[in-house]
Amino acid sequence: MQKLLGLGSYQTGWTMLHRYRTAMIRPGREVLTGRVEVDETFLGSAQPGVRGRGALGKTLVVVAVELRDPRGYGRARMSVIDDAAAATLHKFLVNTVEPGSTVVTDGWAAYPKACRDWFVHEPHPVSGSGHDAHELLPAVHRVASLCKRWLLGTHQGGVLPEHTQSYLEEFCFRFNRRHSRARGLLFYRLLQYAAGAPPLTYRQLVANPRPESDQAARSGRAAIPARQPRPATPRPALAGRREPRLRPRGDGSEMDSPHQELPAANFCDAGL
């Protein structure tokens, strides 16, 4: 994006994209309804040690996907969570799923308590079933797999845990509008949301404003040395050609509507 728009720095392009990501959450968006699959997954590169729920150095994410009858998937929601305790999962379900809906999960012990008095719980324990997890819960595993492939392919896996939620919102924005008749209308709708979003500064967007050297000193690891500028090499003068004289400018410097309501786009908005 920096090269495409001719921006002066990577920071400017990064800030622009994150401002758009914050606008991808429509205020008052509808919750998921009907039968909803819910499960957790981990995002991050391979780390030594145990796998699964006890893995270290990864980001825990809970995924919820609507199930369509007789087949197919509806909208998706993804959120970074600190743990898979019943209180944490209950908070996510209350904010994401309509009360009274059927929540389809695996056999994790925290889900019955998380669904109690709010949702109809439909557990599918993996152990002893003779099936793999992706066979019992295909929707959440497919969405999680697509998200991981998108992060590894488009973003080359270069997503910090502090900013993971912003990238999850972008993925859900794209996934929930995958059936739009015109792909250009996605950007049109995003501009509508961005026009009504509050302004944000770089300091408000960045997760850790401390420089890399300060972070390295606090963590005890060696800091990455700054890239040294390459010394300028004199250009050889061309034979028979006079170099032009540059005359300084007199001022000594260079100078580098009201909001209008956009008409409603003609495509399904149910995804956000």
C-alpha atoms as a PDB file:
ATOM      1  CA  MET A   1       0.000   0.000   0.000  1.00  0.00           C
ATOM      2  CA  GLN A   2       2.863   2.373   0.755  1.00  0.00           C
ATOM      3  CA  LYS A   3       4.292   1.890  -2.735  1.00  0.00           C
ATOM      4  CA  LEU A   4       0.898   1.862  -4.446  1.00  0.00           C
ATOM      5  CA  LEU A   5      -0.241   5.189  -2.971  1.00  0.00           C
ATOM      6  CA  GLY A   6       3.208   6.755  -2.854  1.00  0.00           C
ATOM      7  CA  LEU A   7       3.146   7.279   0.907  1.00  0.00           C
ATOM      8  CA  GLY A   8       6.196   8.639   2.659  1.00  0.00           C
ATOM      9  CA  SER A   9       6.494   5.939   5.324  1.00  0.00           C
ATOM     10  CA  TYR A  10       5.292   2.478   6.290  1.00  0.00           C
ATOM     11  CA  GLN A  11       3.793   3.945   9.454  1.00  0.00           C
ATOM     12  CA  THR A  12       1.384   6.084   7.422  1.00  0.00           C
ATOM     13  CA  GLY A  13       0.131   3.113   5.420  1.00  0.00           C
ATOM     14  CA  TRP A  14      -0.167   0.933   8.529  1.00  0.00           C
ATOM     15  CA  THR A  15      -2.182   3.623  10.313  1.00  0.00           C
ATOM     16  CA  MET A  16      -4.553   4.046   7.372  1.00  0.00           C
ATOM     17  CA  LEU A  17      -5.279   0.319   7.191  1.00  0.00           C
ATOM     18  CA  HIS A  18      -5.887   0.024  10.929  1.00  0.00           C
ATOM     19  CA  ARG A  19      -8.261   2.980  10.849  1.00  0.00           C
ATOM     20  CA  TYR A  20     -10.271   1.154   8.209  1.00  0.00           C
ATOM     21  CA  ARG A  21     -10.201  -2.033  10.288  1.00  0.00           C
ATOM     22  CA  THR A  22     -11.719  -0.219  13.258  1.00  0.00           C
ATOM     23  CA  ALA A  23     -14.573   0.915  11.000  1.00  0.00           C
ATOM     24  CA  MET A  24     -15.394  -2.630   9.885  1.00  0.00           C
ATOM     25  CA  ILE A  25     -17.455  -3.209  13.044  1.00  0.00           C
ATOM     26  CA  ARG A  26     -20.866  -1.722  12.383  1.00  0.00           C
ATOM     27  CA  PRO A  27     -22.423  -0.274  15.553  1.00  0.00           C
ATOM     28  CA  GLY A  28     -25.468  -2.260  16.616  1.00  0.00           C
ATOM     29  CA  ARG A  29     -24.744  -5.165  14.268  1.00  0.00           C
ATOM     30  CA  GLU A  30     -27.016  -8.201  14.515  1.00  0.00           C
ATOM     31  CA  VAL A  31     -26.028 -11.186  16.632  1.00  0.00           C
ATOM     32  CA  LEU A  32     -25.822 -14.737  15.312  1.00  0.00           C
ATOM     33  CA  THR A  33     -29.052 -16.728  15.346  1.00  0.00           C
ATOM     34  CA  GLY A  34     -30.293 -20.312  14.936  1.00  0.00           C
ATOM     35  CA  ARG A  35     -27.774 -23.101  15.367  1.00  0.00           C
ATOM     36  CA  VAL A  36     -24.277 -21.748  15.977  1.00  0.00           C
ATOM     37  CA  GLU A  37     -21.034 -23.728  16.123  1.00  0.00           C
ATOM     38  CA  VAL A  38     -18.516 -22.501  18.692  1.00  0.00           C
ATOM     39  CA  ASP A  39     -14.955 -23.654  19.293  1.00  0.00           C
ATOM     40  CA  GLU A  40     -11.511 -22.283  20.114  1.00  0.00           C
ATOM     41  CA  THR A  41      -8.315 -22.276  18.094  1.00  0.00           C
ATOM     42  CA  PHE A  42      -4.767 -20.986  18.410  1.00  0.00           C
ATOM     43  CA  LEU A  43      -3.102 -18.493  16.090  1.00  0.00           C
ATOM     44  CA  GLY A  44       0.656 -18.272  15.789  1.00  0.00           C
ATOM     45  CA  SER A  45       3.686 -20.045  14.427  1.00  0.00           C
ATOM     46  CA  ALA A  46       4.801 -23.480  15.568  1.00  0.00           C
ATOM     47  CA  GLN A  47       6.357 -23.440  19.026  1.00  0.00           C
ATOM     48  CA  PRO A  48       8.265 -26.160  20.887  1.00  0.00           C
ATOM     49  CA  GLY A  49       6.420 -27.869  23.703  1.00  0.00           C
ATOM     50  CA  VAL A  50       2.931 -29.227  24.172  1.00  0.00           C
ATOM     51  CA  ARG A  51       0.218 -28.781  21.569  1.00  0.00           C
ATOM     52  CA  GLY A  52      -3.447 -27.928  21.955  1.00  0.00           C
ATOM     53  CA  ARG A  53      -4.888 -25.986  24.897  1.00  0.00           C
ATOM     54  CA  GLY A  54      -1.585 -25.954  26.763  1.00  0.00           C
ATOM     55  CA  ALA A  55       0.449 -24.453  23.906  1.00  0.00           C
ATOM     56  CA  LEU A  56       2.668 -21.491  24.767  1.00  0.00           C
ATOM     57  CA  GLY A  57       3.449 -18.404  22.708  1.00  0.00           C
ATOM     58  CA  LYS A  58       0.176 -18.415  20.774  1.00  0.00           C
ATOM     59  CA  THR A  59      -3.030 -16.381  20.757  1.00  0.00           C
ATOM     60  CA  LEU A  60      -6.240 -18.080  21.860  1.00  0.00           C
ATOM     61  CA  VAL A  61      -9.232 -17.232  19.646  1.00  0.00           C
ATOM     62  CA  VAL A  62     -12.867 -18.295  19.958  1.00  0.00           C
ATOM     63  CA  VAL A  63     -14.834 -18.802  16.730  1.00  0.00           C
ATOM     64  CA  ALA A  64     -18.607 -18.821  16.185  1.00  0.00           C
ATOM     65  CA  VAL A  65     -20.288 -19.671  12.856  1.00  0.00           C
ATOM     66  CA  GLU A  66     -23.970 -19.819  11.920  1.00  0.00           C
ATOM     67  CA  LEU A  67     -25.248 -23.102  10.458  1.00  0.00           C
ATOM     68  CA  ARG A  68     -27.710 -22.973   7.551  1.00  0.00           C
ATOM     69  CA  ASP A  69     -30.422 -25.552   6.924  1.00  0.00           C
ATOM     70  CA  PRO A  70     -30.039 -27.925   5.137  1.00  0.00           C
ATOM     71  CA  ARG A  71     -26.393 -27.058   4.489  1.00  0.00           C
ATOM     72  CA  GLY A  72     -23.984 -24.160   4.294  1.00  0.00           C
ATOM     73  CA  TYR A  73     -22.677 -21.513   6.676  1.00  0.00           C
ATOM     74  CA  GLY A  74     -23.844 -18.035   7.531  1.00  0.00           C
ATOM     75  CA  ARG A  75     -21.986 -15.282   9.330  1.00  0.00           C
ATOM     76  CA  ALA A  76     -18.918 -15.690  11.525  1.00  0.00           C
ATOM     77  CA  ARG A  77     -17.514 -13.981  14.600  1.00  0.00           C
ATOM     78  CA  MET A  78     -13.994 -14.301  15.996  1.00  0.00           C
ATOM     79  CA  SER A  79     -12.565 -12.854  19.185  1.00  0.00           C
ATOM     80  CA  VAL A  80      -9.284 -13.034  21.094  1.00  0.00           C
ATOM     81  CA  ILE A  81      -9.782 -14.378  24.627  1.00  0.00           C
ATOM     82  CA  ASP A  82      -7.464 -14.716  27.601  1.00  0.00           C
ATOM     83  CA  ASP A  83      -8.561 -18.248  28.531  1.00  0.00           C
ATOM     84  CA  ALA A  84     -11.221 -20.861  27.820  1.00  0.00           C
ATOM     85  CA  ALA A  85     -12.914 -20.593  31.217  1.00  0.00           C
ATOM     86  CA  ALA A  86     -16.693 -20.683  31.511  1.00  0.00           C
ATOM     87  CA  ALA A  87     -16.967 -16.996  32.442  1.00  0.00           C
ATOM     88  CA  THR A  88     -14.904 -15.925  29.415  1.00  0.00           C
ATOM     89  CA  LEU A  89     -16.865 -18.096  26.989  1.00  0.00           C
ATOM     90  CA  HIS A  90     -20.177 -16.961  28.501  1.00  0.00           C
ATOM     91  CA  LYS A  91     -19.284 -13.309  27.924  1.00  0.00           C
ATOM     92  CA  PHE A  92     -18.445 -14.017  24.287  1.00  0.00           C
ATOM     93  CA  LEU A  93     -21.667 -15.977  23.727  1.00  0.00           C
ATOM     94  CA  VAL A  94     -23.868 -13.294  25.286  1.00  0.00           C
ATOM     95  CA  ASN A  95     -22.316 -10.596  23.054  1.00  0.00           C
ATOM     96  CA  THR A  96     -22.351 -12.725  19.907  1.00  0.00           C
ATOM     97  CA  VAL A  97     -25.286 -15.190  19.910  1.00  0.00           C
ATOM     98  CA  GLU A  98     -28.984 -14.496  20.330  1.00  0.00           C
ATOM     99  CA  PRO A  99     -30.390 -15.877  23.617  1.00  0.00           C
ATOM    100  CA  GLY A 100     -32.308 -19.107  23.120  1.00  0.00           C
ATOM    101  CA  SER A 101     -30.198 -20.201  20.149  1.00  0.00           C
ATOM    102  CA  THR A 102     -28.605 -23.639  19.948  1.00  0.00           C
ATOM    103  CA  VAL A 103     -24.856 -23.614  20.618  1.00  0.00           C
ATOM    104  CA  VAL A 104     -23.017 -26.583  19.103  1.00  0.00           C
ATOM    105  CA  THR A 105     -19.655 -27.287  20.776  1.00  0.00           C
ATOM    106  CA  ASP A 106     -17.198 -30.053  21.506  1.00  0.00           C
ATOM    107  CA  GLY A 107     -16.889 -31.758  24.891  1.00  0.00           C
ATOM    108  CA  TRP A 108     -14.968 -28.981  26.652  1.00  0.00           C
ATOM    109  CA  ALA A 109     -16.164 -28.914  30.268  1.00  0.00           C
ATOM    110  CA  ALA A 110     -16.616 -25.122  30.384  1.00  0.00           C
ATOM    111  CA  TYR A 111     -19.374 -24.947  27.750  1.00  0.00           C
ATOM    112  CA  PRO A 112     -22.308 -26.358  29.797  1.00  0.00           C
ATOM    113  CA  LYS A 113     -21.824 -23.675  32.432  1.00  0.00           C
ATOM    114  CA  ALA A 114     -21.224 -20.985  29.786  1.00  0.00           C
ATOM    115  CA  CYS A 115     -24.532 -21.835  28.050  1.00  0.00           C
ATOM    116  CA  ARG A 116     -26.606 -22.329  31.192  1.00  0.00           C
ATOM    117  CA  ASP A 117     -29.906 -20.362  31.344  1.00  0.00           C
ATOM    118  CA  TRP A 118     -29.105 -18.548  28.092  1.00  0.00           C
ATOM    119  CA  PHE A 119     -28.669 -21.063  25.267  1.00  0.00           C
ATOM    120  CA  VAL A 120     -29.540 -24.618  24.279  1.00  0.00           C
ATOM    121  CA  HIS A 121     -26.305 -26.574  24.488  1.00  0.00           C
ATOM    122  CA  GLU A 122     -25.616 -29.318  21.935  1.00  0.00           C
ATOM    123  CA  PRO A 123     -22.287 -30.999  22.799  1.00  0.00           C
ATOM    124  CA  HIS A 124     -20.372 -33.285  20.421  1.00  0.00           C
ATOM    125  CA  PRO A 125     -17.436 -34.776  22.386  1.00  0.00           C
ATOM    126  CA  VAL A 126     -14.533 -35.778  20.185  1.00  0.00           C
ATOM    127  CA  SER A 127     -13.048 -38.383  22.524  1.00  0.00           C
ATOM    128  CA  GLY A 128     -14.744 -41.742  22.121  1.00  0.00           C
ATOM    129  CA  SER A 129     -16.746 -40.655  19.075  1.00  0.00           C
ATOM    130  CA  GLY A 130     -14.475 -42.245  16.493  1.00  0.00           C
ATOM    131  CA  HIS A 131     -14.440 -39.010  14.473  1.00  0.00           C
ATOM    132  CA  ASP A 132     -11.999 -36.165  14.103  1.00  0.00           C
ATOM    133  CA  ALA A 133     -12.802 -32.707  15.438  1.00  0.00           C
ATOM    134  CA  HIS A 134     -13.248 -31.209  11.961  1.00  0.00           C
ATOM    135  CA  GLU A 135     -15.855 -33.865  11.172  1.00  0.00           C
ATOM    136  CA  LEU A 136     -17.976 -33.073  14.223  1.00  0.00           C
ATOM    137  CA  LEU A 137     -17.554 -29.280  13.979  1.00  0.00           C
ATOM    138  CA  PRO A 138     -16.849 -28.571  10.288  1.00  0.00           C
ATOM    139  CA  ALA A 139     -17.948 -24.917  10.241  1.00  0.00           C
ATOM    140  CA  VAL A 140     -15.598 -23.493  12.873  1.00  0.00           C
ATOM    141  CA  HIS A 141     -12.687 -25.579  11.610  1.00  0.00           C
ATOM    142  CA  ARG A 142     -13.166 -24.387   8.040  1.00  0.00           C
ATOM    143  CA  VAL A 143     -13.411 -20.725   9.079  1.00  0.00           C
ATOM    144  CA  ALA A 144     -10.374 -21.040  11.366  1.00  0.00           C
ATOM    145  CA  SER A 145      -8.409 -22.730   8.584  1.00  0.00           C
ATOM    146  CA  LEU A 146      -9.303 -19.990   6.085  1.00  0.00           C
ATOM    147  CA  CYS A 147      -8.317 -17.311   8.579  1.00  0.00           C
ATOM    148  CA  LYS A 148      -4.938 -18.927   9.281  1.00  0.00           C
ATOM    149  CA  ARG A 149      -4.238 -19.318   5.568  1.00  0.00           C
ATOM    150  CA  TRP A 150      -5.193 -15.662   5.014  1.00  0.00           C
ATOM    151  CA  LEU A 151      -2.857 -14.481   7.779  1.00  0.00           C
ATOM    152  CA  LEU A 152       0.019 -16.616   6.496  1.00  0.00           C
ATOM    153  CA  GLY A 153      -0.529 -15.741   2.842  1.00  0.00           C
ATOM    154  CA  THR A 154      -1.657 -12.115   2.739  1.00  0.00           C
ATOM    155  CA  HIS A 155       0.158 -10.908   5.857  1.00  0.00           C
ATOM    156  CA  GLN A 156       3.037 -13.422   5.828  1.00  0.00           C
ATOM    157  CA  GLY A 157       2.271 -14.296   9.443  1.00  0.00           C
ATOM    158  CA  GLY A 158       3.530 -10.879  10.563  1.00  0.00           C
ATOM    159  CA  VAL A 159       0.661 -10.126  12.966  1.00  0.00           C
ATOM    160  CA  LEU A 160       1.457  -9.134  16.533  1.00  0.00           C
ATOM    161  CA  PRO A 161      -0.749 -10.634  19.262  1.00  0.00           C
ATOM    162  CA  GLU A 162      -1.689  -7.118  20.375  1.00  0.00           C
ATOM    163  CA  HIS A 163      -3.228  -6.381  16.958  1.00  0.00           C
ATOM    164  CA  THR A 164      -4.721  -9.800  16.221  1.00  0.00           C
ATOM    165  CA  GLN A 165      -8.283  -8.690  16.987  1.00  0.00           C
ATOM    166  CA  SER A 166      -8.146  -6.004  14.291  1.00  0.00           C
ATOM    167  CA  TYR A 167      -7.127  -8.550  11.673  1.00  0.00           C
ATOM    168  CA  LEU A 168      -9.875 -10.928  12.828  1.00  0.00           C
ATOM    169  CA  GLU A 169     -12.432  -8.167  12.311  1.00  0.00           C
ATOM    170  CA  GLU A 170     -11.160  -7.640   8.773  1.00  0.00           C
ATOM    171  CA  PHE A 171     -11.363 -11.347   8.006  1.00  0.00           C
ATOM    172  CA  CYS A 172     -14.947 -11.566   9.291  1.00  0.00           C
ATOM    173  CA  PHE A 173     -15.872  -8.451   7.306  1.00  0.00           C
ATOM    174  CA  ARG A 174     -14.659 -10.153   4.128  1.00  0.00           C
ATOM    175  CA  PHE A 175     -16.023 -13.614   4.972  1.00  0.00           C
ATOM    176  CA  ASN A 176     -19.519 -12.393   5.859  1.00  0.00           C
ATOM    177  CA  ARG A 177     -19.779 -10.615   2.494  1.00  0.00           C
ATOM    178  CA  ARG A 178     -18.385 -13.427   0.380  1.00  0.00           C
ATOM    179  CA  HIS A 179     -21.708 -13.732  -1.505  1.00  0.00           C
ATOM    180  CA  SER A 180     -21.940 -10.056  -2.478  1.00  0.00           C
ATOM    181  CA  ARG A 181     -22.881  -9.635  -6.132  1.00  0.00           C
ATOM    182  CA  ALA A 182     -20.269  -6.914  -6.731  1.00  0.00           C
ATOM    183  CA  ARG A 183     -16.944  -7.030  -4.919  1.00  0.00           C
ATOM    184  CA  GLY A 184     -16.444  -3.293  -5.360  1.00  0.00           C
ATOM    185  CA  LEU A 185     -19.430  -2.638  -3.107  1.00  0.00           C
ATOM    186  CA  LEU A 186     -17.477  -3.982  -0.128  1.00  0.00           C
ATOM    187  CA  PHE A 187     -15.122  -1.023  -0.320  1.00  0.00           C
ATOM    188  CA  TYR A 188     -18.086   1.281  -0.918  1.00  0.00           C
ATOM    189  CA  ARG A 189     -19.731   0.013   2.269  1.00  0.00           C
ATOM    190  CA  LEU A 190     -16.460   0.314   4.169  1.00  0.00           C
ATOM    191  CA  LEU A 191     -16.198   3.969   3.185  1.00  0.00           C
ATOM    192  CA  GLN A 192     -19.703   4.531   4.524  1.00  0.00           C
ATOM    193  CA  TYR A 193     -18.740   3.069   7.888  1.00  0.00           C
ATOM    194  CA  ALA A 194     -15.426   4.936   7.938  1.00  0.00           C
ATOM    195  CA  ALA A 195     -17.168   8.268   7.339  1.00  0.00           C
ATOM    196  CA  GLY A 196     -19.186   7.792  10.507  1.00  0.00           C
ATOM    197  CA  ALA A 197     -16.374   6.376  12.644  1.00  0.00           C
ATOM    198  CA  PRO A 198     -14.648   8.586  15.249  1.00  0.00           C
ATOM    199  CA  PRO A 199     -11.150   9.912  14.418  1.00  0.00           C
ATOM    200  CA  LEU A 200      -8.187   7.950  15.749  1.00  0.00           C
ATOM    201  CA  THR A 201      -4.550   8.938  16.126  1.00  0.00           C
ATOM    202  CA  TYR A 202      -1.531   6.719  15.646  1.00  0.00           C
ATOM    203  CA  ARG A 203      -0.929   6.616  19.417  1.00  0.00           C
ATOM    204  CA  GLN A 204      -4.449   5.344  19.941  1.00  0.00           C
ATOM    205  CA  LEU A 205      -4.008   2.585  17.375  1.00  0.00           C
ATOM    206  CA  VAL A 206      -0.538   1.308  18.197  1.00  0.00           C
ATOM    207  CA  ALA A 207      -0.501  -1.405  20.845  1.00  0.00           C
ATOM    208  CA  ASN A 208       2.985  -0.705  22.193  1.00  0.00           C
ATOM    209  CA  PRO A 209       4.413   2.761  21.452  1.00  0.00           C
ATOM    210  CA  ARG A 210       7.822   1.906  22.961  1.00  0.00           C
ATOM    211  CA  PRO A 211      10.610   1.543  20.405  1.00  0.00           C
ATOM    212  CA  GLU A 212      12.128  -1.847  19.627  1.00  0.00           C
ATOM    213  CA  SER A 213      15.289  -1.134  21.613  1.00  0.00           C
ATOM    214  CA  ASP A 214      13.258  -0.320  24.750  1.00  0.00           C
ATOM    215  CA  GLN A 215      11.194  -3.477  24.375  1.00  0.00           C
ATOM    216  CA  ALA A 216      14.347  -5.559  23.941  1.00  0.00           C
ATOM    217  CA  ALA A 217      15.923  -4.077  27.067  1.00  0.00           C
ATOM    218  CA  ARG A 218      12.839  -4.911  29.121  1.00  0.00           C
ATOM    219  CA  SER A 219      12.599  -8.460  27.793  1.00  0.00           C
ATOM    220  CA  GLY A 220      16.335  -9.170  28.089  1.00  0.00           C
ATOM    221  CA  ARG A 221      16.904 -10.014  24.422  1.00  0.00           C
ATOM    222  CA  ALA A 222      19.245  -8.329  22.020  1.00  0.00           C
ATOM    223  CA  ALA A 223      17.829  -5.463  20.008  1.00  0.00           C
ATOM    224  CA  ILE A 224      17.894  -5.545  16.234  1.00  0.00           C
ATOM    225  CA  PRO A 225      20.537  -3.064  15.081  1.00  0.00           C
ATOM    226  CA  ALA A 226      19.245  -0.163  13.074  1.00  0.00           C
ATOM    227  CA  ARG A 227      19.991  -0.181   9.382  1.00  0.00           C
ATOM    228  CA  GLN A 228      22.853   2.148   8.569  1.00  0.00           C
ATOM    229  CA  PRO A 229      22.378   4.528   5.638  1.00  0.00           C
ATOM    230  CA  ARG A 230      24.360   3.694   2.553  1.00  0.00           C
ATOM    231  CA  PRO A 231      27.041   6.306   1.796  1.00  0.00           C
ATOM    232  CA  ALA A 232      26.353   8.316  -1.307  1.00  0.00           C
ATOM    233  CA  THR A 233      28.667   7.619  -4.214  1.00  0.00           C
ATOM    234  CA  PRO A 234      29.594  10.514  -6.512  1.00  0.00           C
ATOM    235  CA  ARG A 235      28.139  10.204  -9.989  1.00  0.00           C
ATOM    236  CA  PRO A 236      30.743  10.403 -12.733  1.00  0.00           C
ATOM    237  CA  ALA A 237      30.436  13.480 -14.909  1.00  0.00           C
ATOM    238  CA  LEU A 238      29.471  12.878 -18.498  1.00  0.00           C
ATOM    239  CA  ALA A 239      31.921  14.047 -21.139  1.00  0.00           C
ATOM    240  CA  GLY A 240      30.816  17.167 -23.012  1.00  0.00           C
ATOM    241  CA  ARG A 241      27.892  17.851 -20.675  1.00  0.00           C
ATOM    242  CA  ARG A 242      27.599  20.676 -18.179  1.00  0.00           C
ATOM    243  CA  GLU A 243      25.939  20.013 -14.848  1.00  0.00           C
ATOM    244  CA  PRO A 244      22.991  22.380 -14.287  1.00  0.00           C
ATOM    245  CA  ARG A 245      23.251  24.913 -11.489  1.00  0.00           C
ATOM    246  CA  LEU A 246      20.569  24.706  -8.832  1.00  0.00           C
ATOM    247  CA  ARG A 247      19.271  28.052  -7.687  1.00  0.00           C
ATOM    248  CA  PRO A 248      17.781  28.158  -4.185  1.00  0.00           C
ATOM    249  CA  ARG A 249      14.186  29.233  -3.839  1.00  0.00           C
ATOM    250  CA  GLY A 250      13.446  32.495  -2.183  1.00  0.00           C
ATOM    251  CA  ASP A 251      11.154  31.065   0.481  1.00  0.00           C
ATOM    252  CA  GLY A 252      13.508  28.174   1.311  1.00  0.00           C
ATOM    253  CA  SER A 253      10.689  25.596   1.642  1.00  0.00           C
ATOM    254  CA  GLU A 254       8.491  23.302  -0.416  1.00  0.00           C
ATOM    255  CA  MET A 255       4.786  22.808  -0.107  1.00  0.00           C
ATOM    256  CA  ASP A 256       4.165  19.341  -0.514  1.00  0.00           C
ATOM    257  CA  SER A 257     -16.737  19.254   1.832  1.00  0.00           C
ATOM    258  CA  PRO A 258     -18.773  18.822   3.989  1.00  0.00           C
ATOM    259  CA  HIS A 259     -19.687  15.179   4.588  1.00  0.00           C
ATOM    260  CA  GLN A 260     -22.503  14.015   2.308  1.00  0.00           C
ATOM    261  CA  GLU A 261     -24.675  11.046   3.074  1.00  0.00           C
ATOM    262  CA  LEU A 262     -23.980   8.198   0.671  1.00  0.00           C
ATOM    263  CA  PRO A 263     -26.882   6.289  -0.879  1.00  0.00           C
ATOM    264  CA  ALA A 264     -27.474   2.789   0.401  1.00  0.00           C
ATOM    265  CA  ALA A 265     -25.612   0.080  -1.479  1.00  0.00           C
ATOM    266  CA  ASN A 266     -27.716  -2.548  -3.208  1.00  0.00           C
ATOM    267  CA  PHE A 267     -26.343  -5.681  -1.594  1.00  0.00           C
ATOM    268  CA  CYS A 268     -26.877  -7.781   1.473  1.00  0.00           C
ATOM    269  CA  ASP A 269     -25.551  -6.178   4.650  1.00  0.00           C
ATOM    270  CA  ALA A 270     -26.383  -8.973   7.020  1.00  0.00           C
ATOM    271  CA  GLY A 271     -22.770  -9.947   7.514  1.00  0.00           C
ATOM    272  CA  LEU A 272     -21.646  -7.240   9.874  1.00  0.00           C
END
